[in-house]
Amino acid sequence: MVLLAGAAVLAACSGGGTGTDDQRAEPSSTPAPSASTPLSSTDPAPTTAPAPAPVFDGRIAPIDEAVRARMAHSWRPGCPVPLEDLRLLTLDHWGYDGVEHRGELVVHADQAEGVLGAFRALFDARFPIERMELVDAYGGDDRASTLANNTAGFNCRDVVGRPGTWSQHAYGRAIDVNPLVNPYVLDPSTVDPAQQPYVDRSIDAPGLIRAGDEVTAAFAAVGWQWGGTWPAPDYQHFSATGR
């Protein structure tokens, strides 16, 4: 009798079965957490660092032999300022295409820092400038540079309509900004046909300059004056002397 009772106890402890695998408890239907488990709606969303803001880069350099060779049209012996008194500015600007570009200007050495500051302000404001090349890219021809809407500085030339009188450009103390769309209206009837639509300053076009805008403010901050206030307005023209 004692042996039979012991057998019954062993059977009860083993679950009453034979001990084979198909009689063991089934695994849980809930999967274990894994690295690929999606985030729940309460988890913080992953973040990405914002792209850094564009940073203006502008540099000032003396006119070396390579640049002098490139300035064969804009400078010659007899100009009112020697090459030693000029500086090449290489600087960033925003194009009409909304993309950052690298441009070049030549200005007088004593105006280089101020001009760089003005164009830094224009860059920060994302003011569009279609192109910025030495006027020598157009053979020193002011009209060709204007019709290309080229922003340019130094050019050893006379004042428009006043032969024998040096322009402030000939001293490196003037810059024309987007000149196609900011015409010099000496006489409305003689404005180039390509510029005629822009005599009307109420139109909406990229690169236009208006009183009190970011362009006039940027140049005023460095002591330069705008020709757009003249009786015969020169909307493209900024100068250190007001002439």
C-alpha atoms as a PDB file:
ATOM      1  CA  MET A   1       0.000   0.000   0.000  1.00  0.00           C
ATOM      2  CA  VAL A   2       2.827   2.386   0.792  1.00  0.00           C
ATOM      3  CA  LEU A   3       4.389   1.780  -2.635  1.00  0.00           C
ATOM      4  CA  LEU A   4       1.124   2.513  -4.435  1.00  0.00           C
ATOM      5  CA  ALA A   5       0.665   5.815  -2.546  1.00  0.00           C
ATOM      6  CA  GLY A   6       4.171   6.919  -3.499  1.00  0.00           C
ATOM      7  CA  ALA A   7       3.492   6.212  -7.151  1.00  0.00           C
ATOM      8  CA  ALA A   8       0.346   8.300  -7.022  1.00  0.00           C
ATOM      9  CA  VAL A   9       2.262  11.235  -5.553  1.00  0.00           C
ATOM     10  CA  LEU A  10       4.902  11.058  -8.321  1.00  0.00           C
ATOM     11  CA  ALA A  11       2.241  10.985 -10.999  1.00  0.00           C
ATOM     12  CA  ALA A  12       0.557  14.074  -9.549  1.00  0.00           C
ATOM     13  CA  CYS A  13       3.851  16.008  -9.486  1.00  0.00           C
ATOM     14  CA  SER A  14       4.561  15.192 -13.124  1.00  0.00           C
ATOM     15  CA  GLY A  15       1.164  16.499 -14.277  1.00  0.00           C
ATOM     16  CA  GLY A  16      -0.213  13.055 -14.770  1.00  0.00           C
ATOM     17  CA  GLY A  17       1.460  12.642 -18.156  1.00  0.00           C
ATOM     18  CA  THR A  18       4.243  10.616 -19.637  1.00  0.00           C
ATOM     19  CA  GLY A  19       6.816  13.482 -19.654  1.00  0.00           C
ATOM     20  CA  THR A  20       7.006  13.828 -23.525  1.00  0.00           C
ATOM     21  CA  ASP A  21       7.676  17.294 -25.255  1.00  0.00           C
ATOM     22  CA  ASP A  22       4.157  17.568 -26.756  1.00  0.00           C
ATOM     23  CA  GLN A  23       2.691  17.658 -23.277  1.00  0.00           C
ATOM     24  CA  ARG A  24       4.800  20.690 -22.106  1.00  0.00           C
ATOM     25  CA  ALA A  25       3.238  24.200 -21.745  1.00  0.00           C
ATOM     26  CA  GLU A  26       2.948  26.223 -25.020  1.00  0.00           C
ATOM     27  CA  PRO A  27       5.240  29.340 -25.287  1.00  0.00           C
ATOM     28  CA  SER A  28       3.718  32.787 -24.707  1.00  0.00           C
ATOM     29  CA  SER A  29       2.058  34.381 -27.808  1.00  0.00           C
ATOM     30  CA  THR A  30       3.475  37.855 -26.878  1.00  0.00           C
ATOM     31  CA  PRO A  31       6.823  38.445 -28.659  1.00  0.00           C
ATOM     32  CA  ALA A  32       9.774  39.660 -26.691  1.00  0.00           C
ATOM     33  CA  PRO A  33      10.734  43.285 -27.282  1.00  0.00           C
ATOM     34  CA  SER A  34      13.333  43.777 -30.017  1.00  0.00           C
ATOM     35  CA  ALA A  35      15.400  46.602 -31.485  1.00  0.00           C
ATOM     36  CA  SER A  36      13.093  46.714 -34.507  1.00  0.00           C
ATOM     37  CA  THR A  37       9.925  47.317 -32.499  1.00  0.00           C
ATOM     38  CA  PRO A  38       8.383  50.596 -33.766  1.00  0.00           C
ATOM     39  CA  LEU A  39       8.188  53.585 -31.448  1.00  0.00           C
ATOM     40  CA  SER A  40       4.848  54.126 -29.779  1.00  0.00           C
ATOM     41  CA  SER A  41       2.945  57.359 -30.277  1.00  0.00           C
ATOM     42  CA  THR A  42       4.084  58.496 -26.850  1.00  0.00           C
ATOM     43  CA  ASP A  43       7.803  58.181 -27.651  1.00  0.00           C
ATOM     44  CA  PRO A  44       9.616  61.437 -28.607  1.00  0.00           C
ATOM     45  CA  ALA A  45      10.114  61.824 -32.361  1.00  0.00           C
ATOM     46  CA  PRO A  46      13.716  61.681 -33.572  1.00  0.00           C
ATOM     47  CA  THR A  47      15.162  65.084 -34.422  1.00  0.00           C
ATOM     48  CA  THR A  48      17.723  66.213 -36.970  1.00  0.00           C
ATOM     49  CA  ALA A  49      19.971  69.207 -36.521  1.00  0.00           C
ATOM     50  CA  PRO A  50      18.930  72.201 -38.670  1.00  0.00           C
ATOM     51  CA  ALA A  51      21.210  73.055 -41.570  1.00  0.00           C
ATOM     52  CA  PRO A  52      23.667  75.806 -40.638  1.00  0.00           C
ATOM     53  CA  ALA A  53      22.799  79.275 -41.938  1.00  0.00           C
ATOM     54  CA  PRO A  54      24.918  80.412 -44.909  1.00  0.00           C
ATOM     55  CA  VAL A  55      27.894  82.479 -43.801  1.00  0.00           C
ATOM     56  CA  PHE A  56      29.181  85.386 -45.885  1.00  0.00           C
ATOM     57  CA  ASP A  57      32.781  85.171 -47.021  1.00  0.00           C
ATOM     58  CA  GLY A  58      34.540  88.217 -48.411  1.00  0.00           C
ATOM     59  CA  ARG A  59      38.241  88.846 -49.003  1.00  0.00           C
ATOM     60  CA  ILE A  60      40.405  91.840 -49.874  1.00  0.00           C
ATOM     61  CA  ALA A  61      43.631  91.507 -51.871  1.00  0.00           C
ATOM     62  CA  PRO A  62      46.106  93.843 -53.609  1.00  0.00           C
ATOM     63  CA  ILE A  63      46.154  93.906 -57.400  1.00  0.00           C
ATOM     64  CA  ASP A  64      48.818  91.342 -58.263  1.00  0.00           C
ATOM     65  CA  GLU A  65      50.303  90.672 -61.687  1.00  0.00           C
ATOM     66  CA  ALA A  66      47.636  88.109 -62.617  1.00  0.00           C
ATOM     67  CA  VAL A  67      44.783  90.520 -61.804  1.00  0.00           C
ATOM     68  CA  ARG A  68      46.605  93.394 -63.470  1.00  0.00           C
ATOM     69  CA  ALA A  69      46.723  91.353 -66.675  1.00  0.00           C
ATOM     70  CA  ARG A  70      42.967  90.805 -66.410  1.00  0.00           C
ATOM     71  CA  MET A  71      42.368  94.564 -65.992  1.00  0.00           C
ATOM     72  CA  ALA A  72      43.826  95.503 -69.365  1.00  0.00           C
ATOM     73  CA  HIS A  73      40.564  97.234 -70.402  1.00  0.00           C
ATOM     74  CA  SER A  74      39.560  98.967 -67.166  1.00  0.00           C
ATOM     75  CA  TRP A  75      42.959 100.431 -66.205  1.00  0.00           C
ATOM     76  CA  ARG A  76      45.751 102.060 -68.198  1.00  0.00           C
ATOM     77  CA  PRO A  77      48.577 104.502 -67.548  1.00  0.00           C
ATOM     78  CA  GLY A  78      47.149 107.986 -67.046  1.00  0.00           C
ATOM     79  CA  CYS A  79      44.166 106.853 -64.993  1.00  0.00           C
ATOM     80  CA  PRO A  80      43.602 109.056 -61.910  1.00  0.00           C
ATOM     81  CA  VAL A  81      44.471 106.273 -59.468  1.00  0.00           C
ATOM     82  CA  PRO A  82      47.424 103.845 -59.592  1.00  0.00           C
ATOM     83  CA  LEU A  83      46.855 100.108 -59.354  1.00  0.00           C
ATOM     84  CA  GLU A  84      48.667 100.107 -56.013  1.00  0.00           C
ATOM     85  CA  ASP A  85      45.735 102.086 -54.565  1.00  0.00           C
ATOM     86  CA  LEU A  86      43.113  99.589 -55.746  1.00  0.00           C
ATOM     87  CA  ARG A  87      41.960  96.326 -54.164  1.00  0.00           C
ATOM     88  CA  LEU A  88      40.279  93.206 -55.500  1.00  0.00           C
ATOM     89  CA  LEU A  89      37.253  92.079 -53.484  1.00  0.00           C
ATOM     90  CA  THR A  90      36.183  88.458 -53.807  1.00  0.00           C
ATOM     91  CA  LEU A  91      32.843  87.954 -52.109  1.00  0.00           C
ATOM     92  CA  ASP A  92      29.675  85.902 -51.793  1.00  0.00           C
ATOM     93  CA  HIS A  93      26.312  87.039 -53.155  1.00  0.00           C
ATOM     94  CA  TRP A  94      22.917  85.531 -53.931  1.00  0.00           C
ATOM     95  CA  GLY A  95      22.070  85.168 -57.616  1.00  0.00           C
ATOM     96  CA  TYR A  96      18.761  85.565 -59.386  1.00  0.00           C
ATOM     97  CA  ASP A  97      18.592  81.767 -59.268  1.00  0.00           C
ATOM     98  CA  GLY A  98      18.500  81.793 -55.456  1.00  0.00           C
ATOM     99  CA  VAL A  99      21.918  80.114 -55.301  1.00  0.00           C
ATOM    100  CA  GLU A 100      25.053  81.428 -53.584  1.00  0.00           C
ATOM    101  CA  HIS A 101      27.692  82.726 -56.027  1.00  0.00           C
ATOM    102  CA  ARG A 102      31.211  84.139 -55.799  1.00  0.00           C
ATOM    103  CA  GLY A 103      31.759  87.570 -57.336  1.00  0.00           C
ATOM    104  CA  GLU A 104      34.570  90.064 -57.879  1.00  0.00           C
ATOM    105  CA  LEU A 105      34.779  93.848 -57.542  1.00  0.00           C
ATOM    106  CA  VAL A 106      37.663  96.301 -57.736  1.00  0.00           C
ATOM    107  CA  VAL A 107      37.440  99.364 -55.497  1.00  0.00           C
ATOM    108  CA  HIS A 108      39.791 101.912 -53.933  1.00  0.00           C
ATOM    109  CA  ALA A 109      41.820 100.561 -51.025  1.00  0.00           C
ATOM    110  CA  ASP A 110      40.369 103.119 -48.612  1.00  0.00           C
ATOM    111  CA  GLN A 111      36.823 101.903 -49.391  1.00  0.00           C
ATOM    112  CA  ALA A 112      37.414  98.148 -49.421  1.00  0.00           C
ATOM    113  CA  GLU A 113      36.372  97.368 -45.842  1.00  0.00           C
ATOM    114  CA  GLY A 114      33.233  99.490 -46.072  1.00  0.00           C
ATOM    115  CA  VAL A 115      32.162  97.958 -49.378  1.00  0.00           C
ATOM    116  CA  LEU A 116      32.686  94.477 -47.962  1.00  0.00           C
ATOM    117  CA  GLY A 117      30.447  95.427 -45.039  1.00  0.00           C
ATOM    118  CA  ALA A 118      27.700  96.671 -47.364  1.00  0.00           C
ATOM    119  CA  PHE A 119      27.704  93.482 -49.397  1.00  0.00           C
ATOM    120  CA  ARG A 120      27.746  91.396 -46.227  1.00  0.00           C
ATOM    121  CA  ALA A 121      24.480  93.113 -45.277  1.00  0.00           C
ATOM    122  CA  LEU A 122      23.030  92.425 -48.739  1.00  0.00           C
ATOM    123  CA  PHE A 123      24.042  88.778 -48.453  1.00  0.00           C
ATOM    124  CA  ASP A 124      22.377  88.455 -45.052  1.00  0.00           C
ATOM    125  CA  ALA A 125      19.223  90.042 -46.507  1.00  0.00           C
ATOM    126  CA  ARG A 126      19.415  87.638 -49.488  1.00  0.00           C
ATOM    127  CA  PHE A 127      19.168  90.530 -51.928  1.00  0.00           C
ATOM    128  CA  PRO A 128      19.623  89.094 -55.455  1.00  0.00           C
ATOM    129  CA  ILE A 129      22.515  90.242 -57.647  1.00  0.00           C
ATOM    130  CA  GLU A 130      22.485  88.677 -61.109  1.00  0.00           C
ATOM    131  CA  ARG A 131      26.226  88.756 -61.712  1.00  0.00           C
ATOM    132  CA  MET A 132      29.365  90.410 -60.363  1.00  0.00           C
ATOM    133  CA  GLU A 133      32.369  90.404 -62.697  1.00  0.00           C
ATOM    134  CA  LEU A 134      35.181  92.799 -63.470  1.00  0.00           C
ATOM    135  CA  VAL A 135      34.078  95.161 -66.238  1.00  0.00           C
ATOM    136  CA  ASP A 136      37.017  93.766 -68.230  1.00  0.00           C
ATOM    137  CA  ALA A 137      34.852  90.714 -68.939  1.00  0.00           C
ATOM    138  CA  TYR A 138      32.970  93.122 -71.247  1.00  0.00           C
ATOM    139  CA  GLY A 139      36.047  94.763 -72.727  1.00  0.00           C
ATOM    140  CA  GLY A 140      35.696  97.705 -70.336  1.00  0.00           C
ATOM    141  CA  ASP A 141      32.465  98.664 -72.175  1.00  0.00           C
ATOM    142  CA  ASP A 142      30.110 100.173 -69.608  1.00  0.00           C
ATOM    143  CA  ARG A 143      27.036  99.708 -71.815  1.00  0.00           C
ATOM    144  CA  ALA A 144      27.777  96.024 -72.415  1.00  0.00           C
ATOM    145  CA  SER A 145      28.284  95.473 -68.697  1.00  0.00           C
ATOM    146  CA  THR A 146      25.026  97.315 -67.968  1.00  0.00           C
ATOM    147  CA  LEU A 147      22.976  95.275 -70.428  1.00  0.00           C
ATOM    148  CA  ALA A 148      24.383  92.098 -68.871  1.00  0.00           C
ATOM    149  CA  ASN A 149      23.062  93.379 -65.509  1.00  0.00           C
ATOM    150  CA  ASN A 150      26.590  93.139 -64.162  1.00  0.00           C
ATOM    151  CA  THR A 151      27.341  94.734 -60.796  1.00  0.00           C
ATOM    152  CA  ALA A 152      30.740  96.426 -61.172  1.00  0.00           C
ATOM    153  CA  GLY A 153      33.020  98.934 -59.481  1.00  0.00           C
ATOM    154  CA  PHE A 154      36.260 100.338 -60.851  1.00  0.00           C
ATOM    155  CA  ASN A 155      36.413 101.414 -64.502  1.00  0.00           C
ATOM    156  CA  CYS A 156      38.712 104.167 -65.725  1.00  0.00           C
ATOM    157  CA  ARG A 157      36.117 106.101 -67.734  1.00  0.00           C
ATOM    158  CA  ASP A 158      34.452 109.499 -68.047  1.00  0.00           C
ATOM    159  CA  VAL A 159      31.153 110.551 -66.532  1.00  0.00           C
ATOM    160  CA  VAL A 160      28.286 109.577 -68.843  1.00  0.00           C
ATOM    161  CA  GLY A 161      27.472 112.630 -71.006  1.00  0.00           C
ATOM    162  CA  ARG A 162      30.499 114.605 -69.764  1.00  0.00           C
ATOM    163  CA  PRO A 163      33.583 113.767 -71.817  1.00  0.00           C
ATOM    164  CA  GLY A 164      36.861 114.722 -70.153  1.00  0.00           C
ATOM    165  CA  THR A 165      35.480 114.444 -66.614  1.00  0.00           C
ATOM    166  CA  TRP A 166      36.531 111.389 -64.651  1.00  0.00           C
ATOM    167  CA  SER A 167      33.726 109.273 -63.242  1.00  0.00           C
ATOM    168  CA  GLN A 168      33.908 108.212 -59.599  1.00  0.00           C
ATOM    169  CA  HIS A 169      34.284 104.709 -61.027  1.00  0.00           C
ATOM    170  CA  ALA A 170      37.696 105.814 -62.311  1.00  0.00           C
ATOM    171  CA  TYR A 171      38.762 106.337 -58.677  1.00  0.00           C
ATOM    172  CA  GLY A 172      37.281 103.059 -57.416  1.00  0.00           C
ATOM    173  CA  ARG A 173      34.784 104.961 -55.296  1.00  0.00           C
ATOM    174  CA  ALA A 174      31.552 104.004 -57.080  1.00  0.00           C
ATOM    175  CA  ILE A 175      29.615 100.807 -57.751  1.00  0.00           C
ATOM    176  CA  ASP A 176      26.658 100.134 -60.074  1.00  0.00           C
ATOM    177  CA  VAL A 177      24.312  97.464 -58.696  1.00  0.00           C
ATOM    178  CA  ASN A 178      22.106  95.428 -61.076  1.00  0.00           C
ATOM    179  CA  PRO A 179      22.375  98.230 -63.658  1.00  0.00           C
ATOM    180  CA  LEU A 180      19.996  96.756 -66.238  1.00  0.00           C
ATOM    181  CA  VAL A 181      16.999  96.917 -63.908  1.00  0.00           C
ATOM    182  CA  ASN A 182      18.187 100.121 -62.177  1.00  0.00           C
ATOM    183  CA  PRO A 183      18.763 102.511 -65.095  1.00  0.00           C
ATOM    184  CA  TYR A 184      20.389 105.912 -65.181  1.00  0.00           C
ATOM    185  CA  VAL A 185      17.546 108.161 -66.335  1.00  0.00           C
ATOM    186  CA  LEU A 186      19.533 111.133 -67.587  1.00  0.00           C
ATOM    187  CA  ASP A 187      16.858 111.556 -70.258  1.00  0.00           C
ATOM    188  CA  PRO A 188      13.933 109.085 -70.341  1.00  0.00           C
ATOM    189  CA  SER A 189      13.843 109.240 -74.131  1.00  0.00           C
ATOM    190  CA  THR A 190      17.457 108.049 -74.420  1.00  0.00           C
ATOM    191  CA  VAL A 191      17.295 105.141 -71.963  1.00  0.00           C
ATOM    192  CA  ASP A 192      18.293 101.917 -73.704  1.00  0.00           C
ATOM    193  CA  PRO A 193      15.234  99.979 -74.965  1.00  0.00           C
ATOM    194  CA  ALA A 194      16.247  96.992 -72.807  1.00  0.00           C
ATOM    195  CA  GLN A 195      16.002  99.244 -69.739  1.00  0.00           C
ATOM    196  CA  GLN A 196      12.816 101.112 -70.643  1.00  0.00           C
ATOM    197  CA  PRO A 197      10.497  98.777 -68.671  1.00  0.00           C
ATOM    198  CA  TYR A 198      12.472  99.552 -65.503  1.00  0.00           C
ATOM    199  CA  VAL A 199      12.068 103.336 -65.724  1.00  0.00           C
ATOM    200  CA  ASP A 200       8.721 102.631 -64.048  1.00  0.00           C
ATOM    201  CA  ARG A 201       9.886 102.014 -60.484  1.00  0.00           C
ATOM    202  CA  SER A 202       6.529 100.632 -59.367  1.00  0.00           C
ATOM    203  CA  ILE A 203       7.022  97.354 -61.226  1.00  0.00           C
ATOM    204  CA  ASP A 204       7.908  94.147 -59.413  1.00  0.00           C
ATOM    205  CA  ALA A 205      11.198  92.720 -60.670  1.00  0.00           C
ATOM    206  CA  PRO A 206      14.129  91.043 -58.907  1.00  0.00           C
ATOM    207  CA  GLY A 207      17.082  93.218 -58.023  1.00  0.00           C
ATOM    208  CA  LEU A 208      15.303  96.587 -58.105  1.00  0.00           C
ATOM    209  CA  ILE A 209      16.562  99.234 -55.694  1.00  0.00           C
ATOM    210  CA  ARG A 210      14.132 101.586 -53.959  1.00  0.00           C
ATOM    211  CA  ALA A 211      14.437 104.339 -51.367  1.00  0.00           C
ATOM    212  CA  GLY A 212      14.670 102.966 -47.847  1.00  0.00           C
ATOM    213  CA  ASP A 213      15.242  99.348 -48.877  1.00  0.00           C
ATOM    214  CA  GLU A 214      17.982  96.991 -47.698  1.00  0.00           C
ATOM    215  CA  VAL A 215      20.371  98.134 -50.445  1.00  0.00           C
ATOM    216  CA  THR A 216      20.228 101.858 -49.754  1.00  0.00           C
ATOM    217  CA  ALA A 217      20.397 101.097 -46.013  1.00  0.00           C
ATOM    218  CA  ALA A 218      23.462  98.839 -46.417  1.00  0.00           C
ATOM    219  CA  PHE A 219      25.413 101.480 -48.337  1.00  0.00           C
ATOM    220  CA  ALA A 220      24.248 104.337 -46.122  1.00  0.00           C
ATOM    221  CA  ALA A 221      25.579 102.403 -43.117  1.00  0.00           C
ATOM    222  CA  VAL A 222      29.114 102.622 -44.565  1.00  0.00           C
ATOM    223  CA  GLY A 223      28.777 106.267 -45.631  1.00  0.00           C
ATOM    224  CA  TRP A 224      27.962 105.754 -49.320  1.00  0.00           C
ATOM    225  CA  GLN A 225      25.219 107.697 -51.118  1.00  0.00           C
ATOM    226  CA  TRP A 226      22.649 106.605 -53.674  1.00  0.00           C
ATOM    227  CA  GLY A 227      22.204 108.240 -57.078  1.00  0.00           C
ATOM    228  CA  GLY A 228      18.516 107.369 -57.100  1.00  0.00           C
ATOM    229  CA  THR A 229      17.739 110.651 -55.326  1.00  0.00           C
ATOM    230  CA  TRP A 230      19.335 112.845 -58.008  1.00  0.00           C
ATOM    231  CA  PRO A 231      17.163 115.089 -60.255  1.00  0.00           C
ATOM    232  CA  ALA A 232      18.239 112.793 -63.113  1.00  0.00           C
ATOM    233  CA  PRO A 233      18.083 109.576 -61.052  1.00  0.00           C
ATOM    234  CA  ASP A 234      20.831 106.987 -61.386  1.00  0.00           C
ATOM    235  CA  TYR A 235      19.142 104.063 -59.631  1.00  0.00           C
ATOM    236  CA  GLN A 236      22.102 101.708 -60.011  1.00  0.00           C
ATOM    237  CA  HIS A 237      24.759 104.069 -58.685  1.00  0.00           C
ATOM    238  CA  PHE A 238      26.332 104.205 -55.195  1.00  0.00           C
ATOM    239  CA  SER A 239      29.402 106.272 -54.373  1.00  0.00           C
ATOM    240  CA  ALA A 240      31.570 107.275 -51.449  1.00  0.00           C
ATOM    241  CA  THR A 241      31.509 110.934 -52.549  1.00  0.00           C
ATOM    242  CA  GLY A 242      27.852 111.418 -53.487  1.00  0.00           C
ATOM    243  CA  ARG A 243      28.871 112.036 -57.114  1.00  0.00           C
END
